[in-house]
Amino acid sequence: MSGSIERTDNERKVLVELVGGPADLPQAQRRLHIDADRAQQKIKIKYYGGYQHFEPSDEAGGNAGQSSRTFRWTGFTKIAE
């Protein structure tokens, strides 16, 4: 698995970059540190009354010497009321 793994409180963390989706999705929400186990699954981001869905890709990302795992946008679902 590609990605930057950090040890924090005995948990492995992976830096994830979210690519695609709404152009106005804040950059702060596009770079996340998540548990290594979750870096193999889809990620849902709650945004404007729904969820933006991202799936892991085989691409490696990163900048400033820090590697990351790239997730690509796959769609949007509304929150059921």
PDB file of N, CA and C in Angstrom:
ATOM      1  N   MET A   1       0.843  -1.174   0.000  1.00  0.00           N
ATOM      2  CA  MET A   1       0.000   0.000   0.000  1.00  0.00           C
ATOM      3  C   MET A   1       0.883   1.231   0.000  1.00  0.00           C
ATOM      4  N   SER A   2       0.524   2.191  -0.820  1.00  0.00           N
ATOM      5  CA  SER A   2       1.273   3.435  -0.809  1.00  0.00           C
ATOM      6  C   SER A   2       0.669   4.364   0.216  1.00  0.00           C
ATOM      7  N   GLY A   3       1.413   5.349   0.637  1.00  0.00           N
ATOM      8  CA  GLY A   3       0.903   6.331   1.578  1.00  0.00           C
ATOM      9  C   GLY A   3       1.876   6.549   2.703  1.00  0.00           C
ATOM     10  N   SER A   4       1.702   7.653   3.349  1.00  0.00           N
ATOM     11  CA  SER A   4       2.545   7.998   4.482  1.00  0.00           C
ATOM     12  C   SER A   4       1.899   7.448   5.737  1.00  0.00           C
ATOM     13  N   ILE A   5       2.583   6.571   6.432  1.00  0.00           N
ATOM     14  CA  ILE A   5       2.028   5.975   7.634  1.00  0.00           C
ATOM     15  C   ILE A   5       2.704   6.595   8.837  1.00  0.00           C
ATOM     16  N   GLU A   6       1.888   7.079   9.767  1.00  0.00           N
ATOM     17  CA  GLU A   6       2.391   7.679  10.982  1.00  0.00           C
ATOM     18  C   GLU A   6       1.895   6.857  12.167  1.00  0.00           C
ATOM     19  N   ARG A   7       2.629   6.867  13.243  1.00  0.00           N
ATOM     20  CA  ARG A   7       2.178   6.216  14.460  1.00  0.00           C
ATOM     21  C   ARG A   7       1.727   7.298  15.433  1.00  0.00           C
ATOM     22  N   THR A   8       0.445   7.227  15.809  1.00  0.00           N
ATOM     23  CA  THR A   8      -0.135   8.162  16.752  1.00  0.00           C
ATOM     24  C   THR A   8      -0.998   7.371  17.704  1.00  0.00           C
ATOM     25  N   ASP A   9      -0.683   7.415  18.991  1.00  0.00           N
ATOM     26  CA  ASP A   9      -1.439   6.664  19.979  1.00  0.00           C
ATOM     27  C   ASP A   9      -1.597   5.199  19.579  1.00  0.00           C
ATOM     28  N   ASN A  10      -0.504   4.598  19.115  1.00  0.00           N
ATOM     29  CA  ASN A  10      -0.473   3.184  18.733  1.00  0.00           C
ATOM     30  C   ASN A  10      -1.373   2.855  17.559  1.00  0.00           C
ATOM     31  N   GLU A  11      -1.833   3.845  16.799  1.00  0.00           N
ATOM     32  CA  GLU A  11      -2.633   3.593  15.609  1.00  0.00           C
ATOM     33  C   GLU A  11      -1.820   3.989  14.385  1.00  0.00           C
ATOM     34  N   ARG A  12      -2.004   3.254  13.303  1.00  0.00           N
ATOM     35  CA  ARG A  12      -1.358   3.622  12.044  1.00  0.00           C
ATOM     36  C   ARG A  12      -2.263   4.572  11.299  1.00  0.00           C
ATOM     37  N   LYS A  13      -1.705   5.688  10.837  1.00  0.00           N
ATOM     38  CA  LYS A  13      -2.476   6.686  10.096  1.00  0.00           C
ATOM     39  C   LYS A  13      -1.887   6.826   8.706  1.00  0.00           C
ATOM     40  N   VAL A  14      -2.753   7.088   7.730  1.00  0.00           N
ATOM     41  CA  VAL A  14      -2.359   7.268   6.343  1.00  0.00           C
ATOM     42  C   VAL A  14      -2.873   8.639   5.896  1.00  0.00           C
ATOM     43  N   LEU A  15      -2.021   9.390   5.212  1.00  0.00           N
ATOM     44  CA  LEU A  15      -2.437  10.661   4.631  1.00  0.00           C
ATOM     45  C   LEU A  15      -3.187  10.367   3.341  1.00  0.00           C
ATOM     46  N   VAL A  16      -4.389  10.922   3.207  1.00  0.00           N
ATOM     47  CA  VAL A  16      -5.256  10.678   2.060  1.00  0.00           C
ATOM     48  C   VAL A  16      -5.572  12.000   1.380  1.00  0.00           C
ATOM     49  N   GLU A  17      -5.508  12.006   0.042  1.00  0.00           N
ATOM     50  CA  GLU A  17      -5.918  13.166  -0.750  1.00  0.00           C
ATOM     51  C   GLU A  17      -7.151  12.791  -1.546  1.00  0.00           C
ATOM     52  N   LEU A  18      -8.203  13.641  -1.458  1.00  0.00           N
ATOM     53  CA  LEU A  18      -9.446  13.421  -2.179  1.00  0.00           C
ATOM     54  C   LEU A  18      -9.417  14.253  -3.457  1.00  0.00           C
ATOM     55  N   VAL A  19      -9.635  13.601  -4.598  1.00  0.00           N
ATOM     56  CA  VAL A  19      -9.545  14.253  -5.907  1.00  0.00           C
ATOM     57  C   VAL A  19     -10.902  14.176  -6.601  1.00  0.00           C
ATOM     58  N   GLY A  20     -11.318  15.286  -7.198  1.00  0.00           N
ATOM     59  CA  GLY A  20     -12.581  15.338  -7.912  1.00  0.00           C
ATOM     60  C   GLY A  20     -13.702  15.812  -7.019  1.00  0.00           C
ATOM     61  N   GLY A  21     -14.921  15.686  -7.508  1.00  0.00           N
ATOM     62  CA  GLY A  21     -16.080  16.126  -6.746  1.00  0.00           C
ATOM     63  C   GLY A  21     -16.315  17.614  -6.882  1.00  0.00           C
ATOM     64  N   PRO A  22     -17.068  18.183  -5.949  1.00  0.00           N
ATOM     65  CA  PRO A  22     -17.417  19.599  -6.030  1.00  0.00           C
ATOM     66  C   PRO A  22     -16.180  20.497  -6.015  1.00  0.00           C
ATOM     67  N   ALA A  23     -16.168  21.470  -6.911  1.00  0.00           N
ATOM     68  CA  ALA A  23     -15.036  22.390  -6.982  1.00  0.00           C
ATOM     69  C   ALA A  23     -14.899  23.224  -5.717  1.00  0.00           C
ATOM     70  N   ASP A  24     -16.020  23.449  -5.015  1.00  0.00           N
ATOM     71  CA  ASP A  24     -15.958  24.282  -3.817  1.00  0.00           C
ATOM     72  C   ASP A  24     -15.751  23.483  -2.527  1.00  0.00           C
ATOM     73  N   LEU A  25     -15.469  22.191  -2.625  1.00  0.00           N
ATOM     74  CA  LEU A  25     -15.126  21.402  -1.443  1.00  0.00           C
ATOM     75  C   LEU A  25     -13.816  21.945  -0.896  1.00  0.00           C
ATOM     76  N   PRO A  26     -13.801  22.428   0.357  1.00  0.00           N
ATOM     77  CA  PRO A  26     -12.602  23.067   0.894  1.00  0.00           C
ATOM     78  C   PRO A  26     -11.365  22.166   0.873  1.00  0.00           C
ATOM     79  N   GLN A  27     -10.226  22.770   0.607  1.00  0.00           N
ATOM     80  CA  GLN A  27      -8.963  22.028   0.567  1.00  0.00           C
ATOM     81  C   GLN A  27      -8.695  21.320   1.899  1.00  0.00           C
ATOM     82  N   ALA A  28      -9.118  21.926   2.988  1.00  0.00           N
ATOM     83  CA  ALA A  28      -8.914  21.319   4.305  1.00  0.00           C
ATOM     84  C   ALA A  28      -9.635  19.980   4.429  1.00  0.00           C
ATOM     85  N   GLN A  29     -10.730  19.790   3.683  1.00  0.00           N
ATOM     86  CA  GLN A  29     -11.446  18.522   3.712  1.00  0.00           C
ATOM     87  C   GLN A  29     -10.898  17.529   2.696  1.00  0.00           C
ATOM     88  N   ARG A  30      -9.990  17.961   1.840  1.00  0.00           N
ATOM     89  CA  ARG A  30      -9.434  17.083   0.808  1.00  0.00           C
ATOM     90  C   ARG A  30      -8.158  16.368   1.253  1.00  0.00           C
ATOM     91  N   ARG A  31      -7.584  16.756   2.377  1.00  0.00           N
ATOM     92  CA  ARG A  31      -6.391  16.100   2.909  1.00  0.00           C
ATOM     93  C   ARG A  31      -6.703  15.621   4.316  1.00  0.00           C
ATOM     94  N   LEU A  32      -6.723  14.307   4.495  1.00  0.00           N
ATOM     95  CA  LEU A  32      -7.120  13.700   5.756  1.00  0.00           C
ATOM     96  C   LEU A  32      -6.082  12.708   6.235  1.00  0.00           C
ATOM     97  N   HIS A  33      -6.002  12.527   7.530  1.00  0.00           N
ATOM     98  CA  HIS A  33      -5.244  11.419   8.116  1.00  0.00           C
ATOM     99  C   HIS A  33      -6.283  10.439   8.645  1.00  0.00           C
ATOM    100  N   ILE A  34      -6.285   9.234   8.096  1.00  0.00           N
ATOM    101  CA  ILE A  34      -7.259   8.228   8.505  1.00  0.00           C
ATOM    102  C   ILE A  34      -6.537   6.958   8.934  1.00  0.00           C
ATOM    103  N   ASP A  35      -7.255   6.102   9.650  1.00  0.00           N
ATOM    104  CA  ASP A  35      -6.692   4.809  10.045  1.00  0.00           C
ATOM    105  C   ASP A  35      -6.322   4.017   8.801  1.00  0.00           C
ATOM    106  N   ALA A  36      -5.225   3.308   8.866  1.00  0.00           N
ATOM    107  CA  ALA A  36      -4.739   2.532   7.720  1.00  0.00           C
ATOM    108  C   ALA A  36      -5.790   1.538   7.227  1.00  0.00           C
ATOM    109  N   ASP A  37      -6.563   0.955   8.126  1.00  0.00           N
ATOM    110  CA  ASP A  37      -7.605   0.002   7.719  1.00  0.00           C
ATOM    111  C   ASP A  37      -8.667   0.683   6.859  1.00  0.00           C
ATOM    112  N   ARG A  38      -9.019   1.925   7.164  1.00  0.00           N
ATOM    113  CA  ARG A  38     -10.030   2.655   6.382  1.00  0.00           C
ATOM    114  C   ARG A  38      -9.492   3.090   5.035  1.00  0.00           C
ATOM    115  N   ALA A  39      -8.189   3.139   4.868  1.00  0.00           N
ATOM    116  CA  ALA A  39      -7.592   3.580   3.606  1.00  0.00           C
ATOM    117  C   ALA A  39      -7.793   2.552   2.492  1.00  0.00           C
ATOM    118  N   GLN A  40      -8.404   1.431   2.802  1.00  0.00           N
ATOM    119  CA  GLN A  40      -8.707   0.404   1.805  1.00  0.00           C
ATOM    120  C   GLN A  40     -10.178   0.450   1.398  1.00  0.00           C
ATOM    121  N   GLN A  41     -10.963   1.343   2.017  1.00  0.00           N
ATOM    122  CA  GLN A  41     -12.408   1.385   1.819  1.00  0.00           C
ATOM    123  C   GLN A  41     -12.839   2.711   1.213  1.00  0.00           C
ATOM    124  N   LYS A  42     -14.114   2.786   0.842  1.00  0.00           N
ATOM    125  CA  LYS A  42     -14.696   4.041   0.374  1.00  0.00           C
ATOM    126  C   LYS A  42     -14.722   5.040   1.531  1.00  0.00           C
ATOM    127  N   ILE A  43     -14.650   6.326   1.180  1.00  0.00           N
ATOM    128  CA  ILE A  43     -14.764   7.396   2.159  1.00  0.00           C
ATOM    129  C   ILE A  43     -15.980   8.232   1.780  1.00  0.00           C
ATOM    130  N   LYS A  44     -16.811   8.570   2.781  1.00  0.00           N
ATOM    131  CA  LYS A  44     -17.950   9.458   2.575  1.00  0.00           C
ATOM    132  C   LYS A  44     -17.687  10.742   3.347  1.00  0.00           C
ATOM    133  N   ILE A  45     -17.847  11.876   2.664  1.00  0.00           N
ATOM    134  CA  ILE A  45     -17.681  13.186   3.278  1.00  0.00           C
ATOM    135  C   ILE A  45     -19.046  13.870   3.288  1.00  0.00           C
ATOM    136  N   LYS A  46     -19.529  14.230   4.471  1.00  0.00           N
ATOM    137  CA  LYS A  46     -20.809  14.934   4.566  1.00  0.00           C
ATOM    138  C   LYS A  46     -20.613  16.352   4.046  1.00  0.00           C
ATOM    139  N   TYR A  47     -21.458  16.744   3.066  1.00  0.00           N
ATOM    140  CA  TYR A  47     -21.278  18.037   2.422  1.00  0.00           C
ATOM    141  C   TYR A  47     -22.575  18.482   1.772  1.00  0.00           C
ATOM    142  N   TYR A  48     -23.064  19.644   2.120  1.00  0.00           N
ATOM    143  CA  TYR A  48     -24.275  20.254   1.550  1.00  0.00           C
ATOM    144  C   TYR A  48     -25.469  19.299   1.472  1.00  0.00           C
ATOM    145  N   GLY A  49     -25.867  18.762   2.602  1.00  0.00           N
ATOM    146  CA  GLY A  49     -27.070  17.940   2.649  1.00  0.00           C
ATOM    147  C   GLY A  49     -26.942  16.556   2.052  1.00  0.00           C
ATOM    148  N   GLY A  50     -25.737  16.113   1.857  1.00  0.00           N
ATOM    149  CA  GLY A  50     -25.531  14.781   1.301  1.00  0.00           C
ATOM    150  C   GLY A  50     -24.133  14.287   1.591  1.00  0.00           C
ATOM    151  N   TYR A  51     -23.745  13.251   0.888  1.00  0.00           N
ATOM    152  CA  TYR A  51     -22.416  12.667   1.046  1.00  0.00           C
ATOM    153  C   TYR A  51     -21.706  12.637  -0.298  1.00  0.00           C
ATOM    154  N   GLN A  52     -20.457  13.046  -0.293  1.00  0.00           N
ATOM    155  CA  GLN A  52     -19.581  12.905  -1.451  1.00  0.00           C
ATOM    156  C   GLN A  52     -18.828  11.596  -1.246  1.00  0.00           C
ATOM    157  N   HIS A  53     -18.823  10.734  -2.251  1.00  0.00           N
ATOM    158  CA  HIS A  53     -18.192   9.416  -2.141  1.00  0.00           C
ATOM    159  C   HIS A  53     -16.867   9.400  -2.898  1.00  0.00           C
ATOM    160  N   PHE A  54     -15.851   8.855  -2.253  1.00  0.00           N
ATOM    161  CA  PHE A  54     -14.512   8.736  -2.832  1.00  0.00           C
ATOM    162  C   PHE A  54     -14.034   7.299  -2.642  1.00  0.00           C
ATOM    163  N   GLU A  55     -13.375   6.768  -3.683  1.00  0.00           N
ATOM    164  CA  GLU A  55     -12.838   5.408  -3.610  1.00  0.00           C
ATOM    165  C   GLU A  55     -11.337   5.429  -3.817  1.00  0.00           C
ATOM    166  N   PRO A  56     -10.628   4.489  -3.175  1.00  0.00           N
ATOM    167  CA  PRO A  56      -9.175   4.455  -3.337  1.00  0.00           C
ATOM    168  C   PRO A  56      -8.771   4.174  -4.780  1.00  0.00           C
ATOM    169  N   SER A  57      -7.712   4.826  -5.224  1.00  0.00           N
ATOM    170  CA  SER A  57      -7.168   4.562  -6.559  1.00  0.00           C
ATOM    171  C   SER A  57      -5.771   3.994  -6.390  1.00  0.00           C
ATOM    172  N   ASP A  58      -5.183   3.567  -7.480  1.00  0.00           N
ATOM    173  CA  ASP A  58      -3.827   3.026  -7.441  1.00  0.00           C
ATOM    174  C   ASP A  58      -2.776   4.131  -7.511  1.00  0.00           C
ATOM    175  N   GLU A  59      -3.237   5.373  -7.629  1.00  0.00           N
ATOM    176  CA  GLU A  59      -2.318   6.505  -7.751  1.00  0.00           C
ATOM    177  C   GLU A  59      -1.722   6.877  -6.393  1.00  0.00           C
ATOM    178  N   ALA A  60      -0.482   7.260  -6.412  1.00  0.00           N
ATOM    179  CA  ALA A  60       0.162   7.819  -5.222  1.00  0.00           C
ATOM    180  C   ALA A  60       0.234   9.322  -5.427  1.00  0.00           C
ATOM    181  N   GLY A  61      -0.011  10.058  -4.383  1.00  0.00           N
ATOM    182  CA  GLY A  61       0.043  11.517  -4.470  1.00  0.00           C
ATOM    183  C   GLY A  61       1.057  12.052  -3.492  1.00  0.00           C
ATOM    184  N   GLY A  62       0.946  13.342  -3.245  1.00  0.00           N
ATOM    185  CA  GLY A  62       1.793  13.965  -2.246  1.00  0.00           C
ATOM    186  C   GLY A  62       2.587  15.121  -2.782  1.00  0.00           C
ATOM    187  N   ASN A  63       3.072  15.920  -1.855  1.00  0.00           N
ATOM    188  CA  ASN A  63       3.940  17.043  -2.184  1.00  0.00           C
ATOM    189  C   ASN A  63       4.825  17.342  -0.976  1.00  0.00           C
ATOM    190  N   ALA A  64       5.804  18.171  -1.164  1.00  0.00           N
ATOM    191  CA  ALA A  64       6.742  18.559  -0.101  1.00  0.00           C
ATOM    192  C   ALA A  64       7.362  17.338   0.574  1.00  0.00           C
ATOM    193  N   GLY A  65       7.623  16.291  -0.211  1.00  0.00           N
ATOM    194  CA  GLY A  65       8.301  15.113   0.317  1.00  0.00           C
ATOM    195  C   GLY A  65       7.427  14.179   1.128  1.00  0.00           C
ATOM    196  N   GLN A  66       6.120  14.443   1.207  1.00  0.00           N
ATOM    197  CA  GLN A  66       5.231  13.586   1.968  1.00  0.00           C
ATOM    198  C   GLN A  66       4.303  12.850   1.012  1.00  0.00           C
ATOM    199  N   SER A  67       4.342  11.522   1.025  1.00  0.00           N
ATOM    200  CA  SER A  67       3.493  10.748   0.121  1.00  0.00           C
ATOM    201  C   SER A  67       2.100  10.597   0.718  1.00  0.00           C
ATOM    202  N   SER A  68       1.145  10.288  -0.137  1.00  0.00           N
ATOM    203  CA  SER A  68      -0.225  10.118   0.315  1.00  0.00           C
ATOM    204  C   SER A  68      -0.941   9.103  -0.566  1.00  0.00           C
ATOM    205  N   ARG A  69      -2.088   8.693  -0.132  1.00  0.00           N
ATOM    206  CA  ARG A  69      -2.953   7.781  -0.894  1.00  0.00           C
ATOM    207  C   ARG A  69      -4.014   8.630  -1.569  1.00  0.00           C
ATOM    208  N   THR A  70      -4.244   8.435  -2.865  1.00  0.00           N
ATOM    209  CA  THR A  70      -5.221   9.212  -3.620  1.00  0.00           C
ATOM    210  C   THR A  70      -6.552   8.476  -3.684  1.00  0.00           C
ATOM    211  N   PHE A  71      -7.628   9.202  -3.393  1.00  0.00           N
ATOM    212  CA  PHE A  71      -8.987   8.698  -3.524  1.00  0.00           C
ATOM    213  C   PHE A  71      -9.687   9.560  -4.561  1.00  0.00           C
ATOM    214  N   ARG A  72     -10.425   8.944  -5.470  1.00  0.00           N
ATOM    215  CA  ARG A  72     -11.130   9.662  -6.540  1.00  0.00           C
ATOM    216  C   ARG A  72     -12.631   9.706  -6.241  1.00  0.00           C
ATOM    217  N   TRP A  73     -13.245  10.835  -6.592  1.00  0.00           N
ATOM    218  CA  TRP A  73     -14.671  11.040  -6.401  1.00  0.00           C
ATOM    219  C   TRP A  73     -15.445  10.087  -7.302  1.00  0.00           C
ATOM    220  N   THR A  74     -16.485   9.452  -6.753  1.00  0.00           N
ATOM    221  CA  THR A  74     -17.293   8.523  -7.536  1.00  0.00           C
ATOM    222  C   THR A  74     -18.763   8.907  -7.592  1.00  0.00           C
ATOM    223  N   GLY A  75     -19.187   9.844  -6.754  1.00  0.00           N
ATOM    224  CA  GLY A  75     -20.581  10.250  -6.808  1.00  0.00           C
ATOM    225  C   GLY A  75     -21.057  10.926  -5.545  1.00  0.00           C
ATOM    226  N   PHE A  76     -22.354  11.222  -5.533  1.00  0.00           N
ATOM    227  CA  PHE A  76     -22.994  11.968  -4.475  1.00  0.00           C
ATOM    228  C   PHE A  76     -24.303  11.291  -4.126  1.00  0.00           C
ATOM    229  N   THR A  77     -24.647  11.223  -2.844  1.00  0.00           N
ATOM    230  CA  THR A  77     -25.965  10.749  -2.417  1.00  0.00           C
ATOM    231  C   THR A  77     -26.538  11.749  -1.433  1.00  0.00           C
ATOM    232  N   LYS A  78     -27.864  11.904  -1.462  1.00  0.00           N
ATOM    233  CA  LYS A  78     -28.539  12.781  -0.517  1.00  0.00           C
ATOM    234  C   LYS A  78     -28.784  12.029   0.780  1.00  0.00           C
ATOM    235  N   ILE A  79     -28.835  12.783   1.870  1.00  0.00           N
ATOM    236  CA  ILE A  79     -29.145  12.194   3.166  1.00  0.00           C
ATOM    237  C   ILE A  79     -30.644  11.910   3.218  1.00  0.00           C
ATOM    238  N   ALA A  80     -31.011  10.686   3.575  1.00  0.00           N
ATOM    239  CA  ALA A  80     -32.428  10.318   3.673  1.00  0.00           C
ATOM    240  C   ALA A  80     -33.047  11.030   4.860  1.00  0.00           C
ATOM    241  N   GLU A  81     -34.251  11.504   4.660  1.00  0.00           N
ATOM    242  CA  GLU A  81     -34.940  12.216   5.752  1.00  0.00           C
ATOM    243  C   GLU A  81     -36.073  11.411   6.287  1.00  0.00           C
TER     244      GLU A  81
END
